[in-house]
Amino acid sequence: METKRLYRSVKNKVLCGVCGGIGEYFNVDPVIIRLIWVILMFFQPWRHMFHSFAGFSLIGGSLVVYFIAAVIIPRAPSDDGSR
């Protein structure tokens, strides 16, 4: 049995493929994952605390988290063997 792994998507990507990869992992439309990300980015209840400790805005912090995920999550292996 093959284990399920989280990868950045090669097919469903807008920026780096993070939301597309999460959508493929959970078998959900990546657009829904992107909408949830944007909603959480603007309406997180801890935004004031985050701004106080981190020193930058919530939107900037969410983008930093996105790009950290893009670095940490490996790109999906392509079917044809090329990168």
Protein backbone atom coordinates (compact mmCIF):
# COMPACT_ATOMS: atom_id res chain seq x y z
CA MET A 1 0.00 0.00 0.00
CA GLU A 2 1.39 3.37 -1.01
CA THR A 3 1.46 6.09 1.64
CA LYS A 4 -0.15 9.41 0.89
CA ARG A 5 2.30 12.35 0.76
CA LEU A 6 1.79 16.09 0.60
CA TYR A 7 3.41 17.73 -2.43
CA ARG A 8 3.18 21.12 -4.09
CA SER A 9 1.02 20.72 -7.15
CA VAL A 10 2.46 20.94 -10.64
CA LYS A 11 -0.96 20.96 -12.36
CA ASN A 12 -3.06 23.14 -10.01
CA LYS A 13 -0.76 26.01 -9.18
CA VAL A 14 -1.27 29.75 -9.14
CA LEU A 15 1.84 30.92 -7.28
CA CYS A 16 3.86 28.00 -5.95
CA GLY A 17 1.32 25.16 -5.92
CA VAL A 18 0.86 24.99 -2.14
CA CYS A 19 -2.94 25.32 -2.10
CA GLY A 20 -3.21 23.06 -5.15
CA GLY A 21 -1.13 20.43 -3.39
CA ILE A 22 -3.21 20.66 -0.22
CA GLY A 23 -6.35 20.31 -2.33
CA GLU A 24 -4.97 17.24 -4.09
CA TYR A 25 -3.90 15.73 -0.75
CA PHE A 26 -7.38 16.09 0.76
CA ASN A 27 -9.13 15.39 -2.56
CA VAL A 28 -10.82 18.83 -2.52
CA ASP A 29 -11.04 21.45 -5.25
CA PRO A 30 -7.97 23.73 -4.86
CA VAL A 31 -10.16 26.81 -5.36
CA ILE A 32 -11.89 25.99 -2.07
CA ILE A 33 -8.51 25.77 -0.33
CA ARG A 34 -7.51 29.14 -1.81
CA LEU A 35 -10.78 30.74 -0.66
CA ILE A 36 -10.32 29.34 2.85
CA TRP A 37 -6.74 30.69 2.90
CA VAL A 38 -7.88 34.19 1.89
CA ILE A 39 -10.76 34.19 4.38
CA LEU A 40 -8.48 33.09 7.20
CA MET A 41 -5.89 35.64 6.12
CA PHE A 42 -8.35 38.51 6.62
CA PHE A 43 -10.47 37.25 9.52
CA GLN A 44 -8.12 35.56 11.96
CA PRO A 45 -9.05 36.43 15.55
CA TRP A 46 -5.40 36.55 16.71
CA ARG A 47 -4.35 39.21 14.18
CA HIS A 48 -3.68 41.88 16.85
CA MET A 49 -1.52 39.55 18.92
CA PHE A 50 0.38 38.45 15.81
CA HIS A 51 1.03 42.05 14.83
CA SER A 52 2.24 42.89 18.35
CA PHE A 53 4.75 40.02 18.52
CA ALA A 54 5.87 39.69 14.93
CA GLY A 55 5.90 43.38 14.08
CA PHE A 56 4.31 43.03 10.66
CA SER A 57 0.79 42.83 9.34
CA LEU A 58 -1.36 39.72 9.24
CA ILE A 59 -1.44 39.67 5.45
CA GLY A 60 2.33 39.92 5.32
CA GLY A 61 2.60 37.19 7.95
CA SER A 62 0.24 34.92 6.02
CA LEU A 63 2.30 35.41 2.88
CA VAL A 64 5.43 34.53 4.82
CA VAL A 65 3.74 31.34 6.04
CA TYR A 66 2.71 30.54 2.45
CA PHE A 67 6.23 30.94 1.10
CA ILE A 68 7.71 28.95 4.01
CA ALA A 69 5.26 26.17 3.08
CA ALA A 70 6.40 26.50 -0.53
CA VAL A 71 9.98 25.92 0.57
CA ILE A 72 9.22 23.07 2.99
CA ILE A 73 6.70 21.10 0.91
CA PRO A 74 8.46 19.29 -1.94
CA ARG A 75 7.30 19.66 -5.52
CA ALA A 76 5.29 16.73 -6.86
CA PRO A 77 7.32 14.36 -8.99
CA SER A 78 6.38 14.76 -12.63
CA ASP A 79 5.09 11.80 -14.61
CA ASP A 80 7.54 12.19 -17.50
CA GLY A 81 10.66 12.30 -15.29
CA SER A 82 11.56 15.92 -16.11
CA ARG A 83 11.63 18.75 -13.56
